[in-house]
């Protein structure tokens, strides 16, 4: 049994006008090729990265297995000087290490105070920021964050969704990205914004039998590629080589729709959070009924949700 697989469309030389007119309204992932990204695509070697930002300390994820799982927390947090971290992340085997000589490293930049400040490469890595030309395909006031990422070769990140649109800008190395439509959420065994299915290539079908119903979208990113990931699309990313990337998130809903305490861009919109709380209270109320009645009225609630809230025009 195999999942239905769809290659992500690749488009060359897309202008801002064409993106907003022809691509953005479709709300599907697209790989944008041939974008002008600045000097970063040629300057960012391991040595240059190490020297550019020096020895300031960064907090990193360290894992002894390639597949990182945020739900089981199969990694530890450690701190290293940035120049040392870059050199280690580029290695396959390590002479110096925390857990094992083949451990994997992952940096996801954060604000100075993670509870209050967003990730912004211009603030956390100002020297490197000068080398980057971010595609301005959204209004300046819509900008939310720019997340700088460095990954060891072979590192795979868990499947999750974000609540904002974003560009994944691949600067160095190759990545494979597997995506799933928001419509396939019922098959992804969610825990919050994350899927419990860690291995999307060899899933445990006894534990996750519905997973095969999800349609798999896939693309391979090379240095200089930009992947548009619409909000709510699930994505699973593996770095096939030592990789350096930049995620740029922007707000496409009215500003008041977002949780003001959200610095990561992954908290559900406030209206959605309120709706889920109301649903939880309704389900709690159903527990006052015998099982047969609970089942009947729960099914009626599902039908009502489908009738009132489901879209009929999904492609």
Foldseek 3Di string as FASTA:
>chain_A
DAAAEDEAAEDEDDDLVCCVPPPVVLQGKYKYFDDCWFQLLPQDDLVSQLPQQDFDKAKKWKAPDQQQDPVVRRTDIDIGGRNVVSVQLQDQAQPDDDPHRRIKIKGKDADPDNQAAAAACCPPRVRSVVRTDDRPSDDPVFWQYKIKMWIHASHKYFKFFFQFKKKKAWRAAKKKKKKFDLVCVVQQCDDQGTGPQRDLPDGDCVVRVSNSHTYIYMDMDHHGMIMINHGSIIMMMHGNHGTIIMMITTHPDPPQQCDNSDRHRHDHGPVVVVVVVVVVVVLVVLVVDPPVVSVVVVVVVVVVCCVPPNDDPND
